[in-house]
Amino acid sequence: VQLVESGGGLVQPGDSLRLSCAASGITFGNYAMGWFRQPPGKEREFVAAVRTSGITTYYSDSVRGRFAISRDNGKDTVYLQMNRLKPEDTAIYFCAATPAASANDYYNADKYDYWGRGTQVTVSS
């Protein structure tokens, strides 16, 4: 199983970035997908999740209204569109896959079976 993130980089406050996560080795359509992030010196935190169908999404309060998660089951890929980026969004961003069906589980990193290695996002002027 491989989850490979891409699209990170150095941007200025207010800019946008789109992260991608390509999955292989799993039946992608059977897994809900999530994005987590780990800011420097802090714990990993939930960012967003999307159900298998791609219709229902979940967000942390800190990114709701600025970030959008989506998936393309035909390409086995999940995306995170990040708009109006802030310095506090600086972190390593990880995608993860979970077979869980309960929405409560999507916020919990322990419920995810597979993880990517992360991509760095730095927001700085």
N, C-alpha and C. Protein backbone atom coordinates (compact mmCIF):
# COMPACT_ATOMS: atom_id res chain seq x y z
N VAL A 1 0.85 -1.19 0.00
CA VAL A 1 0.00 0.00 0.00
C VAL A 1 0.89 1.24 0.00
N GLN A 2 0.53 2.18 -0.85
CA GLN A 2 1.26 3.45 -0.88
C GLN A 2 0.28 4.60 -1.00
N LEU A 3 0.52 5.61 -0.18
CA LEU A 3 -0.16 6.89 -0.31
C LEU A 3 0.94 7.92 -0.51
N VAL A 4 0.88 8.65 -1.61
CA VAL A 4 1.94 9.58 -1.93
C VAL A 4 1.37 10.98 -2.12
N GLU A 5 1.76 11.87 -1.20
CA GLU A 5 1.30 13.25 -1.27
C GLU A 5 2.21 14.08 -2.18
N SER A 6 1.63 15.10 -2.76
CA SER A 6 2.38 16.06 -3.57
C SER A 6 1.67 17.40 -3.55
N GLY A 7 2.39 18.44 -3.97
CA GLY A 7 1.78 19.75 -4.10
C GLY A 7 2.14 20.76 -3.03
N GLY A 8 2.90 20.33 -2.04
CA GLY A 8 3.32 21.26 -0.99
C GLY A 8 4.32 22.27 -1.51
N GLY A 9 4.62 23.25 -0.66
CA GLY A 9 5.60 24.26 -1.05
C GLY A 9 5.57 25.46 -0.13
N LEU A 10 6.31 26.48 -0.54
CA LEU A 10 6.40 27.74 0.19
C LEU A 10 5.52 28.77 -0.50
N VAL A 11 4.58 29.33 0.23
CA VAL A 11 3.66 30.34 -0.32
C VAL A 11 3.53 31.49 0.65
N GLN A 12 2.95 32.59 0.15
CA GLN A 12 2.71 33.75 1.00
C GLN A 12 1.32 33.70 1.60
N PRO A 13 1.12 34.40 2.71
CA PRO A 13 -0.23 34.47 3.28
C PRO A 13 -1.23 34.95 2.24
N GLY A 14 -2.39 34.30 2.22
CA GLY A 14 -3.43 34.64 1.27
C GLY A 14 -3.39 33.84 -0.01
N ASP A 15 -2.29 33.13 -0.25
CA ASP A 15 -2.17 32.32 -1.45
C ASP A 15 -2.96 31.02 -1.32
N SER A 16 -2.97 30.27 -2.42
CA SER A 16 -3.64 28.97 -2.47
C SER A 16 -2.66 27.87 -2.86
N LEU A 17 -2.97 26.66 -2.44
CA LEU A 17 -2.23 25.46 -2.83
C LEU A 17 -3.23 24.33 -2.97
N ARG A 18 -2.89 23.39 -3.85
CA ARG A 18 -3.70 22.19 -3.98
C ARG A 18 -2.79 20.99 -3.74
N LEU A 19 -3.11 20.24 -2.69
CA LEU A 19 -2.39 19.01 -2.40
C LEU A 19 -3.10 17.83 -3.07
N SER A 20 -2.31 16.86 -3.50
CA SER A 20 -2.84 15.63 -4.05
C SER A 20 -2.27 14.45 -3.28
N CYS A 21 -3.02 13.37 -3.26
CA CYS A 21 -2.56 12.14 -2.62
C CYS A 21 -3.00 10.98 -3.50
N ALA A 22 -2.03 10.31 -4.10
CA ALA A 22 -2.31 9.18 -4.97
C ALA A 22 -2.17 7.88 -4.20
N ALA A 23 -3.18 7.04 -4.28
CA ALA A 23 -3.18 5.77 -3.56
C ALA A 23 -2.94 4.61 -4.50
N SER A 24 -2.26 3.60 -3.99
CA SER A 24 -2.09 2.36 -4.73
C SER A 24 -2.03 1.21 -3.73
N GLY A 25 -2.42 0.03 -4.19
CA GLY A 25 -2.38 -1.14 -3.32
C GLY A 25 -3.59 -1.34 -2.45
N ILE A 26 -4.58 -0.45 -2.57
CA ILE A 26 -5.84 -0.59 -1.84
C ILE A 26 -6.99 -0.43 -2.81
N THR A 27 -8.16 -0.93 -2.43
CA THR A 27 -9.38 -0.65 -3.18
C THR A 27 -9.86 0.71 -2.72
N PHE A 28 -9.44 1.72 -3.46
CA PHE A 28 -9.60 3.10 -3.00
C PHE A 28 -11.03 3.43 -2.63
N GLY A 29 -11.97 2.97 -3.41
CA GLY A 29 -13.37 3.29 -3.19
C GLY A 29 -13.95 2.73 -1.91
N ASN A 30 -13.22 1.84 -1.25
CA ASN A 30 -13.69 1.26 0.01
C ASN A 30 -13.22 2.03 1.24
N TYR A 31 -12.42 3.06 1.02
CA TYR A 31 -11.81 3.80 2.13
C TYR A 31 -12.24 5.26 2.15
N ALA A 32 -12.64 5.71 3.33
CA ALA A 32 -12.72 7.15 3.52
C ALA A 32 -11.30 7.69 3.59
N MET A 33 -11.13 8.92 3.15
CA MET A 33 -9.80 9.52 3.10
C MET A 33 -9.76 10.78 3.96
N GLY A 34 -8.64 10.96 4.61
CA GLY A 34 -8.48 12.13 5.47
C GLY A 34 -7.16 12.83 5.22
N TRP A 35 -7.15 14.09 5.59
CA TRP A 35 -5.92 14.88 5.64
C TRP A 35 -5.68 15.30 7.09
N PHE A 36 -4.46 15.12 7.53
CA PHE A 36 -4.02 15.57 8.84
C PHE A 36 -2.80 16.46 8.63
N ARG A 37 -2.45 17.21 9.65
CA ARG A 37 -1.25 18.02 9.55
C ARG A 37 -0.53 18.06 10.90
N GLN A 38 0.76 18.28 10.84
CA GLN A 38 1.55 18.39 12.05
C GLN A 38 2.39 19.66 11.97
N PRO A 39 1.95 20.69 12.70
CA PRO A 39 2.73 21.93 12.74
C PRO A 39 4.04 21.71 13.48
N PRO A 40 5.01 22.58 13.28
CA PRO A 40 6.30 22.42 13.96
C PRO A 40 6.13 22.40 15.48
N GLY A 41 6.67 21.37 16.10
CA GLY A 41 6.63 21.26 17.55
C GLY A 41 5.29 20.92 18.16
N LYS A 42 4.32 20.54 17.31
CA LYS A 42 2.97 20.25 17.82
C LYS A 42 2.54 18.84 17.43
N GLU A 43 1.41 18.44 17.99
CA GLU A 43 0.85 17.13 17.68
C GLU A 43 0.17 17.14 16.31
N ARG A 44 0.04 15.95 15.75
CA ARG A 44 -0.71 15.81 14.51
C ARG A 44 -2.18 16.12 14.76
N GLU A 45 -2.81 16.82 13.84
CA GLU A 45 -4.20 17.23 14.01
C GLU A 45 -5.01 16.97 12.76
N PHE A 46 -6.29 16.73 12.97
CA PHE A 46 -7.22 16.49 11.87
C PHE A 46 -7.44 17.77 11.08
N VAL A 47 -7.51 17.62 9.76
CA VAL A 47 -7.80 18.76 8.89
C VAL A 47 -9.14 18.56 8.17
N ALA A 48 -9.27 17.43 7.45
CA ALA A 48 -10.47 17.20 6.65
C ALA A 48 -10.59 15.72 6.32
N ALA A 49 -11.82 15.31 6.01
CA ALA A 49 -12.06 13.93 5.60
C ALA A 49 -13.20 13.90 4.60
N VAL A 50 -13.21 12.85 3.81
CA VAL A 50 -14.27 12.69 2.81
C VAL A 50 -14.69 11.22 2.79
N ARG A 51 -15.99 11.01 2.76
CA ARG A 51 -16.52 9.64 2.71
C ARG A 51 -16.19 8.99 1.36
N THR A 52 -16.43 7.68 1.29
CA THR A 52 -16.08 6.91 0.09
C THR A 52 -16.73 7.47 -1.17
N SER A 53 -17.95 7.93 -1.04
CA SER A 53 -18.68 8.43 -2.22
C SER A 53 -18.16 9.77 -2.70
N GLY A 54 -17.48 10.49 -1.80
CA GLY A 54 -17.01 11.83 -2.13
C GLY A 54 -18.03 12.92 -1.90
N ILE A 55 -19.22 12.53 -1.44
CA ILE A 55 -20.29 13.51 -1.28
C ILE A 55 -20.22 14.22 0.06
N THR A 56 -19.95 13.49 1.11
CA THR A 56 -19.95 14.05 2.46
C THR A 56 -18.53 14.33 2.91
N THR A 57 -18.35 15.55 3.42
CA THR A 57 -17.02 15.98 3.86
C THR A 57 -17.07 16.51 5.28
N TYR A 58 -15.91 16.56 5.92
CA TYR A 58 -15.78 16.98 7.31
C TYR A 58 -14.53 17.86 7.41
N TYR A 59 -14.60 18.87 8.26
CA TYR A 59 -13.48 19.81 8.39
C TYR A 59 -13.27 20.19 9.85
N SER A 60 -12.02 20.51 10.15
CA SER A 60 -11.75 21.12 11.44
C SER A 60 -12.24 22.57 11.40
N ASP A 61 -12.49 23.11 12.57
CA ASP A 61 -12.98 24.49 12.64
C ASP A 61 -11.96 25.48 12.06
N SER A 62 -10.69 25.15 12.19
CA SER A 62 -9.65 26.09 11.77
C SER A 62 -9.53 26.23 10.25
N VAL A 63 -10.07 25.27 9.50
CA VAL A 63 -9.93 25.33 8.05
C VAL A 63 -11.27 25.41 7.32
N ARG A 64 -12.35 25.20 8.04
CA ARG A 64 -13.68 25.20 7.38
C ARG A 64 -13.91 26.54 6.70
N GLY A 65 -14.34 26.48 5.46
CA GLY A 65 -14.57 27.69 4.68
C GLY A 65 -13.38 28.14 3.87
N ARG A 66 -12.19 27.60 4.16
CA ARG A 66 -10.99 27.94 3.40
C ARG A 66 -10.44 26.75 2.63
N PHE A 67 -10.59 25.56 3.18
CA PHE A 67 -10.07 24.34 2.56
C PHE A 67 -11.24 23.51 2.01
N ALA A 68 -10.95 22.74 0.97
CA ALA A 68 -11.95 21.84 0.41
C ALA A 68 -11.29 20.51 0.06
N ILE A 69 -11.86 19.43 0.58
CA ILE A 69 -11.37 18.09 0.27
C ILE A 69 -12.26 17.50 -0.81
N SER A 70 -11.65 16.75 -1.71
CA SER A 70 -12.40 16.06 -2.76
C SER A 70 -11.64 14.80 -3.15
N ARG A 71 -12.30 13.94 -3.88
CA ARG A 71 -11.65 12.71 -4.32
C ARG A 71 -12.11 12.35 -5.71
N ASP A 72 -11.26 11.64 -6.42
CA ASP A 72 -11.58 11.10 -7.73
C ASP A 72 -11.36 9.60 -7.64
N ASN A 73 -12.43 8.85 -7.50
CA ASN A 73 -12.30 7.41 -7.33
C ASN A 73 -11.82 6.72 -8.61
N GLY A 74 -11.96 7.39 -9.72
CA GLY A 74 -11.44 6.83 -10.97
C GLY A 74 -9.93 6.94 -11.07
N LYS A 75 -9.36 7.90 -10.32
CA LYS A 75 -7.91 8.11 -10.34
C LYS A 75 -7.25 7.70 -9.02
N ASP A 76 -8.04 7.17 -8.08
CA ASP A 76 -7.51 6.75 -6.78
C ASP A 76 -6.73 7.89 -6.13
N THR A 77 -7.31 9.07 -6.16
CA THR A 77 -6.62 10.26 -5.67
C THR A 77 -7.57 11.11 -4.83
N VAL A 78 -7.03 11.66 -3.77
CA VAL A 78 -7.75 12.62 -2.94
C VAL A 78 -6.99 13.95 -2.98
N TYR A 79 -7.76 15.02 -2.91
CA TYR A 79 -7.20 16.36 -3.04
C TYR A 79 -7.54 17.21 -1.81
N LEU A 80 -6.70 18.20 -1.58
CA LEU A 80 -7.01 19.21 -0.57
C LEU A 80 -6.70 20.57 -1.18
N GLN A 81 -7.76 21.29 -1.51
CA GLN A 81 -7.62 22.65 -2.02
C GLN A 81 -7.55 23.59 -0.83
N MET A 82 -6.47 24.34 -0.72
CA MET A 82 -6.27 25.22 0.42
C MET A 82 -6.22 26.67 -0.08
N ASN A 83 -7.18 27.45 0.38
CA ASN A 83 -7.28 28.86 -0.03
C ASN A 83 -7.05 29.76 1.17
N ARG A 84 -6.72 31.00 0.89
CA ARG A 84 -6.52 32.03 1.94
C ARG A 84 -5.62 31.49 3.04
N LEU A 85 -4.49 30.97 2.62
CA LEU A 85 -3.57 30.35 3.57
C LEU A 85 -3.03 31.35 4.57
N LYS A 86 -2.80 30.86 5.79
CA LYS A 86 -2.30 31.68 6.89
C LYS A 86 -0.99 31.08 7.40
N PRO A 87 -0.16 31.87 8.06
CA PRO A 87 1.08 31.32 8.61
C PRO A 87 0.83 30.13 9.54
N GLU A 88 -0.28 30.13 10.26
CA GLU A 88 -0.58 29.02 11.17
C GLU A 88 -0.98 27.74 10.45
N ASP A 89 -1.12 27.80 9.13
CA ASP A 89 -1.34 26.58 8.35
C ASP A 89 -0.04 25.86 8.04
N THR A 90 1.08 26.46 8.38
CA THR A 90 2.38 25.83 8.15
C THR A 90 2.46 24.51 8.90
N ALA A 91 2.77 23.44 8.17
CA ALA A 91 2.79 22.10 8.76
C ALA A 91 3.22 21.10 7.70
N ILE A 92 3.48 19.89 8.16
CA ILE A 92 3.58 18.75 7.25
C ILE A 92 2.17 18.20 7.11
N TYR A 93 1.72 18.01 5.89
CA TYR A 93 0.37 17.53 5.61
C TYR A 93 0.45 16.06 5.18
N PHE A 94 -0.38 15.25 5.83
CA PHE A 94 -0.43 13.81 5.57
C PHE A 94 -1.81 13.41 5.08
N CYS A 95 -1.85 12.51 4.11
CA CYS A 95 -3.13 11.90 3.79
C CYS A 95 -3.16 10.51 4.41
N ALA A 96 -4.37 10.03 4.64
CA ALA A 96 -4.55 8.76 5.31
C ALA A 96 -5.85 8.11 4.85
N ALA A 97 -5.90 6.79 4.97
CA ALA A 97 -7.06 6.02 4.53
C ALA A 97 -7.63 5.22 5.69
N THR A 98 -8.96 5.23 5.80
CA THR A 98 -9.63 4.48 6.86
C THR A 98 -10.82 3.72 6.30
N PRO A 99 -11.02 2.48 6.79
CA PRO A 99 -12.22 1.74 6.39
C PRO A 99 -13.42 2.09 7.26
N ALA A 100 -13.23 2.97 8.23
CA ALA A 100 -14.28 3.31 9.18
C ALA A 100 -15.48 3.94 8.46
N ALA A 101 -16.65 3.66 8.98
CA ALA A 101 -17.88 4.20 8.41
C ALA A 101 -18.52 5.25 9.29
N SER A 102 -18.07 5.34 10.53
CA SER A 102 -18.65 6.31 11.46
C SER A 102 -17.94 7.65 11.33
N ALA A 103 -18.72 8.69 11.19
CA ALA A 103 -18.14 10.03 11.04
C ALA A 103 -17.27 10.39 12.24
N ASN A 104 -17.64 9.93 13.42
CA ASN A 104 -16.84 10.26 14.62
C ASN A 104 -15.41 9.74 14.50
N ASP A 105 -15.25 8.65 13.76
CA ASP A 105 -13.92 8.06 13.62
C ASP A 105 -13.01 8.88 12.71
N TYR A 106 -13.57 9.67 11.83
CA TYR A 106 -12.75 10.38 10.85
C TYR A 106 -11.85 11.42 11.49
N TYR A 107 -12.18 11.87 12.68
CA TYR A 107 -11.38 12.89 13.35
C TYR A 107 -10.22 12.28 14.14
N ASN A 108 -10.19 10.97 14.22
CA ASN A 108 -9.26 10.26 15.09
C ASN A 108 -8.18 9.59 14.25
N ALA A 109 -6.94 10.04 14.39
CA ALA A 109 -5.85 9.47 13.60
C ALA A 109 -5.67 7.98 13.84
N ASP A 110 -6.02 7.50 15.00
CA ASP A 110 -5.86 6.07 15.31
C ASP A 110 -6.77 5.18 14.48
N LYS A 111 -7.79 5.75 13.87
CA LYS A 111 -8.74 4.97 13.08
C LYS A 111 -8.28 4.80 11.63
N TYR A 112 -7.17 5.40 11.28
CA TYR A 112 -6.69 5.32 9.90
C TYR A 112 -5.65 4.20 9.78
N ASP A 113 -5.81 3.38 8.77
CA ASP A 113 -4.93 2.22 8.59
C ASP A 113 -3.66 2.56 7.82
N TYR A 114 -3.75 3.47 6.87
CA TYR A 114 -2.62 3.73 5.99
C TYR A 114 -2.34 5.23 5.94
N TRP A 115 -1.05 5.54 5.85
CA TRP A 115 -0.60 6.93 5.88
C TRP A 115 0.43 7.17 4.80
N GLY A 116 0.41 8.39 4.26
CA GLY A 116 1.49 8.84 3.40
C GLY A 116 2.63 9.38 4.24
N ARG A 117 3.70 9.79 3.57
CA ARG A 117 4.88 10.28 4.27
C ARG A 117 4.83 11.78 4.49
N GLY A 118 3.88 12.44 3.87
CA GLY A 118 3.70 13.86 4.13
C GLY A 118 4.33 14.77 3.10
N THR A 119 3.79 15.98 3.04
CA THR A 119 4.33 17.03 2.19
C THR A 119 4.34 18.33 2.98
N GLN A 120 5.43 19.08 2.87
CA GLN A 120 5.59 20.29 3.67
C GLN A 120 4.86 21.46 3.03
N VAL A 121 4.10 22.16 3.84
CA VAL A 121 3.47 23.42 3.43
C VAL A 121 3.97 24.51 4.37
N THR A 122 4.56 25.54 3.79
CA THR A 122 5.07 26.66 4.57
C THR A 122 4.42 27.94 4.06
N VAL A 123 3.80 28.67 4.98
CA VAL A 123 3.13 29.92 4.64
C VAL A 123 3.88 31.04 5.36
N SER A 124 4.55 31.85 4.58
CA SER A 124 5.39 32.89 5.18
C SER A 124 5.60 34.04 4.19
N SER A 125 5.66 35.24 4.74
CA SER A 125 5.95 36.40 3.90
C SER A 125 7.44 36.69 3.88
